[in-house]
Amino acid sequence: MKKTNIHKFLYLVSALLVVGFAVHTIVDACRYDSMLTSFPFYTFIIVHAIEYLIPSIIVYIVALIVKKKFADKK
């Protein structure tokens, strides 16, 4: 892989994490039953945000930094 394409790969990883968050949240919404679960649904959303969105933001920031670093070298 060329070093100039690393930022594109990181953008893809970030986008896949966001898609994973959406899919996992939708699946949990379909399976959620308030009678069987002792805590509200928004706790699932908070946990999924910690698992998916925070790493996605970190990877996106790294991609911006890498893109800027390689743009400065050219």
Protein backbone atom coordinates (compact mmCIF):
# COMPACT_ATOMS: atom_id res chain seq x y z
CA MET A 1 0.00 0.00 0.00
CA LYS A 2 1.33 3.40 -0.92
CA LYS A 3 1.97 5.74 1.94
CA THR A 4 -0.21 8.36 0.27
CA ASN A 5 -3.24 6.05 0.50
CA ILE A 6 -3.00 5.39 4.23
CA HIS A 7 -5.34 8.26 5.06
CA LYS A 8 -7.97 6.84 2.68
CA PHE A 9 -7.76 3.49 4.45
CA LEU A 10 -8.16 5.22 7.82
CA TYR A 11 -11.19 7.13 6.53
CA LEU A 12 -12.68 3.79 5.45
CA VAL A 13 -12.06 2.27 8.88
CA SER A 14 -13.69 5.27 10.52
CA ALA A 15 -16.73 5.02 8.25
CA LEU A 16 -17.04 1.29 8.91
CA LEU A 17 -17.03 1.93 12.65
CA VAL A 18 -19.89 4.42 12.25
CA VAL A 19 -21.83 1.92 10.14
CA GLY A 20 -21.14 -0.76 12.75
CA PHE A 21 -22.55 1.54 15.43
CA ALA A 22 -25.72 2.11 13.43
CA VAL A 23 -26.23 -1.57 12.64
CA HIS A 24 -25.53 -2.73 16.19
CA THR A 25 -27.90 -0.11 17.62
CA ILE A 26 -30.67 -1.02 15.18
CA VAL A 27 -30.30 -4.73 15.97
CA ASP A 28 -30.44 -4.00 19.68
CA ALA A 29 -33.52 -1.81 19.16
CA CYS A 30 -35.27 -4.69 17.44
CA ARG A 31 -34.33 -7.11 20.23
CA TYR A 32 -34.99 -4.74 23.14
CA ASP A 33 -37.85 -5.62 25.43
CA SER A 34 -38.51 -3.24 28.31
CA MET A 35 -40.23 -5.96 30.33
CA LEU A 36 -37.17 -8.22 30.32
CA THR A 37 -34.41 -5.61 30.60
CA SER A 38 -33.77 -3.81 33.86
CA PHE A 39 -32.17 -0.71 32.34
CA PRO A 40 -33.32 1.73 29.65
CA PHE A 41 -32.42 1.50 25.99
CA TYR A 42 -30.32 4.66 25.97
CA THR A 43 -27.70 2.81 28.03
CA PHE A 44 -27.21 0.50 25.05
CA ILE A 45 -26.71 3.54 22.86
CA ILE A 46 -24.14 5.01 25.27
CA VAL A 47 -22.21 1.74 25.41
CA HIS A 48 -22.23 1.39 21.62
CA ALA A 49 -21.07 4.99 21.28
CA ILE A 50 -18.11 4.22 23.54
CA GLU A 51 -17.33 1.05 21.59
CA TYR A 52 -17.74 2.46 18.07
CA LEU A 53 -17.96 6.25 17.83
CA ILE A 54 -15.06 7.23 20.07
CA PRO A 55 -12.60 4.95 18.21
CA SER A 56 -14.07 6.21 14.94
CA ILE A 57 -13.38 9.82 15.92
CA ILE A 58 -9.83 8.92 16.97
CA VAL A 59 -9.14 7.13 13.67
CA TYR A 60 -10.62 10.05 11.72
CA ILE A 61 -8.37 12.54 13.53
CA VAL A 62 -5.34 10.33 12.85
CA ALA A 63 -6.32 10.22 9.17
CA LEU A 64 -6.49 14.02 9.04
CA ILE A 65 -3.06 14.27 10.64
CA VAL A 66 -1.56 11.70 8.25
CA LYS A 67 -3.10 13.43 5.24
CA LYS A 68 -1.72 16.78 6.34
CA LYS A 69 1.71 15.27 7.02
CA PHE A 70 1.95 13.76 3.54
CA ALA A 71 0.56 16.93 1.92
CA ASP A 72 3.32 18.97 3.55
CA LYS A 73 6.03 16.68 2.12
CA LYS A 74 4.87 17.19 -1.47
